[in-house]
Every structure is written in structure tokens, then in C-alpha cells.
C-alpha atoms as a PDB file:
ATOM      1  CA  MET A   1      84.620  36.539 109.296  1.00  0.00           C
ATOM      2  CA  ALA A   2      80.785  34.535 108.864  1.00  0.00           C
ATOM      3  CA  TYR A   3      77.920  35.732 107.974  1.00  0.00           C
ATOM      4  CA  SER A   4      74.691  34.682 109.367  1.00  0.00           C
ATOM      5  CA  ALA A   5      70.708  34.965 109.151  1.00  0.00           C
ATOM      6  CA  ALA A   6      67.386  33.333 110.425  1.00  0.00           C
ATOM      7  CA  CYS A   7      64.268  33.665 109.546  1.00  0.00           C
ATOM      8  CA  ALA A   8      62.624  33.330 113.390  1.00  0.00           C
ATOM      9  CA  ASP A   9      64.233  36.687 113.421  1.00  0.00           C
ATOM     10  CA  THR A  10      61.803  38.601 111.278  1.00  0.00           C
ATOM     11  CA  GLY A  11      59.281  36.545 113.726  1.00  0.00           C
ATOM     12  CA  ALA A  12      58.512  34.226 111.272  1.00  0.00           C
ATOM     13  CA  ASP A  13      57.820  30.689 112.127  1.00  0.00           C
ATOM     14  CA  CYS A  14      60.564  29.014 109.953  1.00  0.00           C
ATOM     15  CA  PRO A  15      63.563  26.739 110.312  1.00  0.00           C
ATOM     16  CA  GLY A  16      65.086  28.319 107.731  1.00  0.00           C
ATOM     17  CA  SER A  17      68.815  29.436 109.113  1.00  0.00           C
ATOM     18  CA  PHE A  18      72.224  30.338 107.093  1.00  0.00           C
ATOM     19  CA  THR A  19      75.403  31.240 108.080  1.00  0.00           C
ATOM     20  CA  VAL A  20      78.198  31.363 105.432  1.00  0.00           C
ATOM     21  CA  GLU A  21      81.398  32.807 105.099  1.00  0.00           C
ATOM     22  CA  THR A  22      80.675  36.327 102.547  1.00  0.00           C
ATOM     23  CA  LYS A  23      77.416  38.875 103.006  1.00  0.00           C
ATOM     24  CA  GLY A  24      77.272  38.490  99.051  1.00  0.00           C
ATOM     25  CA  GLU A  25      76.725  34.756  99.881  1.00  0.00           C
ATOM     26  CA  LEU A  26      74.052  35.093 102.416  1.00  0.00           C
ATOM     27  CA  VAL A  27      72.095  37.218 100.125  1.00  0.00           C
ATOM     28  CA  GLU A  28      72.106  35.264  97.867  1.00  0.00           C
ATOM     29  CA  HIS A  29      70.573  32.266 100.021  1.00  0.00           C
ATOM     30  CA  LEU A  30      68.127  34.487 101.434  1.00  0.00           C
ATOM     31  CA  ASN A  31      66.613  35.403  98.501  1.00  0.00           C
ATOM     32  CA  ILE A  32      66.718  31.478  97.194  1.00  0.00           C
ATOM     33  CA  HIS A  33      65.256  30.694 100.519  1.00  0.00           C
ATOM     34  CA  LEU A  34      62.456  33.541 100.329  1.00  0.00           C
ATOM     35  CA  ALA A  35      61.493  32.984  96.509  1.00  0.00           C
ATOM     36  CA  GLU A  36      60.777  29.002  97.952  1.00  0.00           C
ATOM     37  CA  SER A  37      59.442  28.893 101.266  1.00  0.00           C
ATOM     38  CA  HIS A  38      57.877  32.093 101.383  1.00  0.00           C
ATOM     39  CA  PRO A  39      56.870  32.955  97.718  1.00  0.00           C
ATOM     40  CA  GLY A  40      54.728  36.309  97.475  1.00  0.00           C
ATOM     41  CA  VAL A  41      56.961  38.152 100.438  1.00  0.00           C
ATOM     42  CA  GLU A  42      59.546  40.300  99.359  1.00  0.00           C
ATOM     43  CA  MET A  43      62.519  41.667 101.609  1.00  0.00           C
ATOM     44  CA  THR A  44      63.613  45.143 100.328  1.00  0.00           C
ATOM     45  CA  SER A  45      67.956  45.417 101.268  1.00  0.00           C
ATOM     46  CA  ASP A  46      67.369  47.500 104.418  1.00  0.00           C
ATOM     47  CA  GLU A  47      65.309  44.696 105.743  1.00  0.00           C
ATOM     48  CA  VAL A  48      67.676  41.908 105.087  1.00  0.00           C
ATOM     49  CA  GLU A  49      70.992  44.286 106.295  1.00  0.00           C
ATOM     50  CA  GLN A  50      69.017  44.068 109.558  1.00  0.00           C
ATOM     51  CA  ILE A  51      68.844  40.489 110.135  1.00  0.00           C
ATOM     52  CA  ILE A  52      72.322  39.578 108.977  1.00  0.00           C
ATOM     53  CA  LYS A  53      74.442  39.272 111.626  1.00  0.00           C
ATOM     54  CA  VAL A  54      78.474  39.077 112.298  1.00  0.00           C
ATOM     55  CA  VAL A  55      79.331  35.702 113.662  1.00  0.00           C
END
């Protein structure tokens, strides 16, 4: 089972998209991406859970 998320799912005009094997790894990628590509934007764990998809 894989997990994915994309910035576009939040309404952002960003091509950032991730698909990985574990939810923990996906959250890690999202946090790094937010810090590097969207400084100042913070997402709660509930918001992160809403954009995660099981693929």
C-alpha cells in the first residue's frame, strides 16, 4: 500500500506531489516541502490527514 499527497489538493498553485510507501514517510516529505517551498505556511496534523490519499 502506498500513500500520496499533492499541494494542488490544498488549492495551492504548486506542482509538489509525493507518493511513498508509509504514512510517516509522507508526512516527513510534506514537512520538508512546506519548509522549503512554502515558508511561513503551517499545516495542522488534521489538515495533513485530509490531503493524504491511500493508493
